[in-house]
Amino acid sequence: MSAAEAALGSGPVQPSSKVKAFLRLVMIEHSVFALPFAYIAALTAMFRADGSIQWGTLLLVTVAMVGLRTFAMACNRIIDREIDARNPRTASRELVTGAVSVRSAWTGALVAVVVFLGAAALLNPLCLALAPVAVVPMVVYPYGKRFTHYPHAILGLAQAMGPVGAWLAVTGSWSWDAVILGLAVGIWIGGFDLIFGCQDVQADRAHGVLSVPARFGIPAALWGARVCHAVTTGLLVWFGLATEAGLFYWIGMVIVAVAFVYEHRVVRPHDLSRLNRAFFSVNGFIGIALFACALLDLLVRGLTV
């Protein structure tokens, strides 16, 4: 029996196993980072429109967000598979080990982008027209680390589109309030990508991968993340003021501010042992906590289900 057969078992790989491997590849559970902010934008727009939740629209926003993020992650993994193979931290990813073939990954990416475009088409003509604009930075981002030390900014731009798109999905018209929330999300995610990139400094420098931590060092990257999260907090305050948010939203803001302080206390330049806690646990908590408080605030103010 070959090593590959030993790893995969003696029988053929079942379709369900392939699907599970693909979902691991794209880390589907990380949709929790940006999705709550899309919900905040959509629900706020619904509250302003007629005061009631449009469940069909909310479902399509969910499908569009997950579809686009799945496409982006699949492209990221495909484009970066050779870089991943040279980095000990990422050498066990599915495209490197062969658990997912490049062909399967491209198939999954194609299905995901078709799902995204289909959801955009069902929402309204403006969403469909602007859909390609949302797709472009998702593909550019993985190439960014090859030509700029600031790929984190490209990721931030890509993520900033979520709340803007969610608002457009509900109203079919532009909103600067949604832009404020989108900027908050983009700068937030760009900031914690700076933290995440700190663990790859040695590998990135060895193989010519560009990033802020690799170029300027871990202390500078962590300071950059602090600045990003301070700006994020300010933008979230601005969004609350612009949308006349009530008490529960501001309670959520206090929770977010405390979470940011905790995040930056557990990650130190010479101690990255708790980086995963900061990246996954705290940032996942931030999105869910603010969404829960914002939803409660809208319900108290009269949003009906």
Protein backbone atom coordinates (compact mmCIF):
# COMPACT_ATOMS: atom_id res chain seq x y z
CA MET A 1 0.00 0.00 0.00
CA SER A 2 1.35 3.43 -0.93
CA ALA A 3 1.65 6.29 1.52
CA ALA A 4 -1.19 8.08 -0.23
CA GLU A 5 -3.42 5.02 0.02
CA ALA A 6 -2.55 4.63 3.67
CA ALA A 7 -3.49 8.24 4.32
CA LEU A 8 -6.76 8.09 2.40
CA GLY A 9 -7.79 4.56 3.22
CA SER A 10 -8.04 1.52 0.98
CA GLY A 11 -11.36 2.48 -0.61
CA PRO A 12 -12.24 5.35 -2.94
CA VAL A 13 -12.68 8.81 -1.49
CA GLN A 14 -16.38 9.44 -0.88
CA PRO A 15 -17.98 12.64 -2.22
CA SER A 16 -18.91 13.68 1.32
CA SER A 17 -15.24 13.43 2.32
CA LYS A 18 -14.27 15.63 -0.62
CA VAL A 19 -16.84 18.22 0.40
CA LYS A 20 -15.61 18.18 4.00
CA ALA A 21 -12.02 18.59 2.83
CA PHE A 22 -13.01 21.54 0.64
CA LEU A 23 -14.87 23.17 3.54
CA ARG A 24 -11.75 22.75 5.67
CA LEU A 25 -9.72 24.27 2.85
CA VAL A 26 -11.83 27.43 2.75
CA MET A 27 -12.30 27.50 6.55
CA ILE A 28 -16.03 28.01 6.15
CA GLU A 29 -16.45 28.71 9.88
CA HIS A 30 -14.51 31.96 9.49
CA SER A 31 -17.54 33.50 7.79
CA VAL A 32 -18.35 34.57 11.35
CA PHE A 33 -15.87 37.46 11.05
CA ALA A 34 -17.58 39.57 8.39
CA LEU A 35 -21.12 38.16 8.23
CA PRO A 36 -22.41 39.81 11.46
CA PHE A 37 -21.49 43.24 10.10
CA ALA A 38 -23.37 42.55 6.87
CA TYR A 39 -26.36 41.69 9.03
CA ILE A 40 -25.99 44.94 11.01
CA ALA A 41 -26.00 46.90 7.73
CA ALA A 42 -28.93 44.98 6.27
CA LEU A 43 -31.07 45.14 9.41
CA THR A 44 -30.36 48.84 9.91
CA ALA A 45 -31.41 49.49 6.31
CA MET A 46 -34.59 47.44 6.86
CA PHE A 47 -35.37 49.39 10.02
CA ARG A 48 -35.08 52.63 8.11
CA ALA A 49 -37.05 51.35 5.12
CA ASP A 50 -40.23 49.96 6.66
CA GLY A 51 -39.31 48.80 10.15
CA SER A 52 -39.57 45.07 9.46
CA ILE A 53 -37.14 42.24 8.73
CA GLN A 54 -37.22 41.06 5.13
CA TRP A 55 -36.30 37.43 5.67
CA GLY A 56 -35.92 36.55 2.00
CA THR A 57 -33.48 39.41 1.46
CA LEU A 58 -31.56 38.47 4.59
CA LEU A 59 -31.24 34.89 3.34
CA LEU A 60 -29.93 36.09 -0.03
CA VAL A 61 -27.42 38.37 1.71
CA THR A 62 -26.21 35.36 3.69
CA VAL A 63 -25.88 33.22 0.56
CA ALA A 64 -24.06 36.00 -1.30
CA MET A 65 -21.63 36.68 1.56
CA VAL A 66 -20.77 33.02 2.14
CA GLY A 67 -20.51 32.35 -1.60
CA LEU A 68 -18.14 35.26 -2.21
CA ARG A 69 -16.01 34.47 0.83
CA THR A 70 -15.78 30.79 -0.20
CA PHE A 71 -14.67 31.84 -3.68
CA ALA A 72 -12.08 34.20 -2.21
CA MET A 73 -10.63 31.59 0.14
CA ALA A 74 -10.48 28.93 -2.56
CA CYS A 75 -8.64 31.31 -4.91
CA ASN A 76 -6.32 32.30 -2.07
CA ARG A 77 -5.40 28.69 -1.34
CA ILE A 78 -4.96 27.81 -5.03
CA ILE A 79 -2.78 30.83 -5.82
CA ASP A 80 -0.70 30.46 -2.64
CA ARG A 81 -0.27 26.68 -2.66
CA GLU A 82 3.45 26.83 -3.54
CA ILE A 83 4.10 29.46 -0.85
CA ASP A 84 2.10 27.34 1.62
CA ALA A 85 4.22 24.30 0.82
CA ARG A 86 7.39 26.17 1.86
CA ASN A 87 5.98 27.40 5.17
CA PRO A 88 5.95 24.86 8.03
CA ARG A 89 2.79 26.42 9.48
CA THR A 90 0.81 26.00 6.25
CA ALA A 91 2.44 22.87 4.82
CA SER A 92 -0.46 20.72 6.05
CA ARG A 93 -3.11 22.62 4.11
CA GLU A 94 -5.29 20.47 1.91
CA LEU A 95 -3.93 21.59 -1.47
CA VAL A 96 -0.38 20.95 -0.29
CA THR A 97 -1.06 17.48 1.10
CA GLY A 98 -3.31 16.47 -1.79
CA ALA A 99 -6.43 16.06 0.35
CA VAL A 100 -8.03 18.46 -2.15
CA SER A 101 -6.91 18.55 -5.78
CA VAL A 102 -6.36 21.81 -7.63
CA ARG A 103 -9.13 20.80 -10.01
CA SER A 104 -11.57 20.24 -7.14
CA ALA A 105 -10.59 23.56 -5.59
CA TRP A 106 -11.23 25.40 -8.85
CA THR A 107 -14.56 23.59 -9.20
CA GLY A 108 -15.56 24.66 -5.71
CA ALA A 109 -14.45 28.22 -6.41
CA LEU A 110 -16.50 28.31 -9.62
CA VAL A 111 -19.60 26.97 -7.88
CA ALA A 112 -19.17 29.52 -5.08
CA VAL A 113 -18.87 32.51 -7.43
CA VAL A 114 -21.89 31.34 -9.45
CA VAL A 115 -23.86 31.11 -6.19
CA PHE A 116 -22.72 34.63 -5.30
CA LEU A 117 -23.69 36.05 -8.70
CA GLY A 118 -27.02 34.23 -8.58
CA ALA A 119 -27.83 35.68 -5.15
CA ALA A 120 -26.81 39.16 -6.35
CA ALA A 121 -29.10 38.81 -9.39
CA LEU A 122 -32.03 37.82 -7.19
CA LEU A 123 -31.47 40.80 -4.90
CA ASN A 124 -31.65 43.69 -7.37
CA PRO A 125 -30.08 44.91 -10.64
CA LEU A 126 -27.61 47.22 -8.87
CA CYS A 127 -26.21 44.35 -6.79
CA LEU A 128 -25.70 42.28 -9.92
CA ALA A 129 -24.07 45.18 -11.77
CA LEU A 130 -21.63 45.81 -8.92
CA ALA A 131 -20.93 42.13 -8.19
CA PRO A 132 -17.79 41.98 -10.38
CA VAL A 133 -16.38 44.93 -8.41
CA ALA A 134 -16.61 42.80 -5.28
CA VAL A 135 -14.96 39.80 -6.97
CA VAL A 136 -11.83 41.60 -8.23
CA PRO A 137 -10.08 42.34 -4.88
CA MET A 138 -10.77 38.78 -3.75
CA VAL A 139 -8.54 37.53 -6.57
CA VAL A 140 -5.99 40.35 -6.33
CA TYR A 141 -5.37 39.88 -2.59
CA PRO A 142 -3.34 36.64 -2.74
CA TYR A 143 -1.14 38.16 -5.45
CA GLY A 144 -0.65 41.26 -3.31
CA LYS A 145 2.03 39.67 -1.15
CA ARG A 146 4.10 39.31 -4.33
CA PHE A 147 4.22 43.02 -5.23
CA THR A 148 3.47 45.08 -2.10
CA HIS A 149 4.32 45.05 1.59
CA TYR A 150 0.71 46.02 2.28
CA PRO A 151 -1.47 43.10 1.13
CA HIS A 152 -3.41 43.59 4.38
CA ALA A 153 -4.87 46.78 2.88
CA ILE A 154 -6.16 44.85 -0.14
CA LEU A 155 -7.81 42.35 2.21
CA GLY A 156 -9.36 45.22 4.13
CA LEU A 157 -10.76 46.73 0.93
CA ALA A 158 -12.25 43.38 -0.05
CA GLN A 159 -13.90 42.95 3.34
CA ALA A 160 -15.18 46.53 3.45
CA MET A 161 -17.54 45.74 0.60
CA GLY A 162 -19.66 43.38 2.71
CA PRO A 163 -21.72 45.91 4.70
CA VAL A 164 -21.99 48.22 1.67
CA GLY A 165 -23.30 45.36 -0.45
CA ALA A 166 -25.73 44.27 2.27
CA TRP A 167 -27.19 47.78 2.45
CA LEU A 168 -27.49 47.94 -1.33
CA ALA A 169 -29.23 44.56 -1.25
CA VAL A 170 -31.99 45.99 0.93
CA THR A 171 -32.40 49.48 -0.52
CA GLY A 172 -30.98 49.32 -4.03
CA SER A 173 -29.35 52.69 -3.39
CA TRP A 174 -26.05 54.08 -2.11
CA SER A 175 -25.56 54.93 1.57
CA TRP A 176 -22.61 56.72 3.17
CA ASP A 177 -23.65 55.24 6.51
CA ALA A 178 -22.97 51.81 5.04
CA VAL A 179 -19.58 53.06 3.81
CA ILE A 180 -18.69 54.07 7.38
CA LEU A 181 -19.52 50.56 8.61
CA GLY A 182 -17.70 49.02 5.66
CA LEU A 183 -14.55 51.01 6.41
CA ALA A 184 -14.77 49.93 10.05
CA VAL A 185 -14.92 46.27 9.00
CA GLY A 186 -12.13 46.61 6.43
CA ILE A 187 -9.74 48.37 8.79
CA TRP A 188 -10.61 45.93 11.59
CA ILE A 189 -9.87 42.87 9.45
CA GLY A 190 -6.76 44.48 7.95
CA GLY A 191 -5.58 45.12 11.51
CA PHE A 192 -5.95 41.59 12.72
CA ASP A 193 -4.37 40.33 9.49
CA LEU A 194 -1.30 42.31 10.60
CA ILE A 195 -1.37 40.33 13.85
CA PHE A 196 -1.88 37.04 12.03
CA GLY A 197 1.03 37.74 9.68
CA CYS A 198 3.46 38.05 12.60
CA GLN A 199 3.73 34.27 12.96
CA ASP A 200 5.10 33.91 9.40
CA VAL A 201 7.86 36.52 9.52
CA GLN A 202 10.79 34.09 9.24
CA ALA A 203 9.21 32.04 6.46
CA ASP A 204 8.08 35.15 4.56
CA ARG A 205 11.54 36.72 4.70
CA ALA A 206 13.19 33.45 3.64
CA HIS A 207 10.96 33.05 0.59
CA GLY A 208 10.43 36.66 -0.46
CA VAL A 209 6.81 36.94 0.65
CA LEU A 210 5.93 40.58 1.30
CA SER A 211 4.03 41.84 4.35
CA VAL A 212 4.22 44.57 6.97
CA PRO A 213 5.58 42.20 9.66
CA ALA A 214 8.22 40.84 7.28
CA ARG A 215 9.28 44.32 6.14
CA PHE A 216 9.07 46.35 9.35
CA GLY A 217 9.16 43.71 12.09
CA ILE A 218 6.67 42.32 14.56
CA PRO A 219 6.62 45.29 16.99
CA ALA A 220 5.77 47.71 14.17
CA ALA A 221 3.06 45.37 12.85
CA LEU A 222 1.45 45.10 16.28
CA TRP A 223 1.49 48.87 16.65
CA GLY A 224 -0.09 49.12 13.22
CA ALA A 225 -2.82 46.72 14.34
CA ARG A 226 -3.46 48.83 17.44
CA VAL A 227 -3.88 51.93 15.30
CA CYS A 228 -6.21 50.06 12.95
CA HIS A 229 -8.39 48.90 15.81
CA ALA A 230 -8.48 52.36 17.37
CA VAL A 231 -9.67 53.73 14.01
CA THR A 232 -12.19 50.87 13.78
CA THR A 233 -13.60 51.83 17.16
CA GLY A 234 -13.93 55.44 16.07
CA LEU A 235 -15.72 54.45 12.86
CA LEU A 236 -18.14 52.19 14.74
CA VAL A 237 -18.92 55.11 17.05
CA TRP A 238 -19.48 57.29 13.98
CA PHE A 239 -21.82 54.68 12.49
CA GLY A 240 -23.79 54.55 15.74
CA LEU A 241 -24.16 58.32 15.78
CA ALA A 242 -25.06 58.48 12.07
CA THR A 243 -27.81 55.87 12.48
CA GLU A 244 -29.04 57.28 15.82
CA ALA A 245 -28.30 54.01 17.62
CA GLY A 246 -29.72 53.42 21.08
CA LEU A 247 -28.45 52.17 24.41
CA PHE A 248 -27.83 48.53 23.50
CA TYR A 249 -25.63 49.44 20.52
CA TRP A 250 -23.46 51.52 22.83
CA ILE A 251 -23.27 48.63 25.28
CA GLY A 252 -21.99 46.59 22.35
CA MET A 253 -19.40 49.25 21.63
CA VAL A 254 -18.11 49.02 25.21
CA ILE A 255 -17.79 45.23 24.78
CA VAL A 256 -15.92 45.71 21.49
CA ALA A 257 -13.52 48.23 23.03
CA VAL A 258 -12.76 45.90 25.95
CA ALA A 259 -12.22 43.00 23.54
CA PHE A 260 -9.75 45.07 21.50
CA VAL A 261 -7.80 45.96 24.63
CA TYR A 262 -7.68 42.30 25.64
CA GLU A 263 -6.61 41.23 22.14
CA HIS A 264 -3.63 43.56 22.19
CA ARG A 265 -2.63 42.57 25.70
CA VAL A 266 -2.39 38.84 24.96
CA VAL A 267 -0.15 39.25 21.87
CA ARG A 268 3.33 40.59 22.54
CA PRO A 269 6.23 41.08 20.10
CA HIS A 270 8.28 38.36 21.83
CA ASP A 271 5.36 36.14 22.83
CA LEU A 272 3.03 35.00 20.05
CA SER A 273 1.90 31.88 21.92
CA ARG A 274 -1.63 33.26 22.34
CA LEU A 275 -1.92 34.66 18.82
CA ASN A 276 -4.54 32.14 17.74
CA ARG A 277 -6.68 33.09 20.74
CA ALA A 278 -6.47 36.73 19.68
CA PHE A 279 -7.10 36.00 16.03
CA PHE A 280 -9.86 33.41 16.14
CA SER A 281 -11.59 33.66 19.50
CA VAL A 282 -11.51 37.39 20.19
CA ASN A 283 -12.24 38.58 16.67
CA GLY A 284 -15.05 36.06 16.26
CA PHE A 285 -16.48 37.25 19.57
CA ILE A 286 -16.29 40.91 18.50
CA GLY A 287 -18.47 40.41 15.44
CA ILE A 288 -21.06 38.27 17.22
CA ALA A 289 -21.23 40.51 20.31
CA LEU A 290 -21.73 43.73 18.35
CA PHE A 291 -24.32 42.10 16.09
CA ALA A 292 -26.28 40.77 19.08
CA CYS A 293 -26.29 44.20 20.73
CA ALA A 294 -27.13 46.02 17.49
CA LEU A 295 -30.00 43.59 16.80
CA LEU A 296 -31.38 44.01 20.31
CA ASP A 297 -31.11 47.78 19.91
CA LEU A 298 -33.06 47.71 16.63
CA LEU A 299 -35.74 45.46 18.13
CA VAL A 300 -36.15 47.77 21.11
CA ARG A 301 -36.42 50.75 18.76
CA GLY A 302 -39.22 49.07 16.82
CA LEU A 303 -37.82 46.64 14.27
CA THR A 304 -40.41 43.91 13.79
CA VAL A 305 -39.84 40.31 12.84
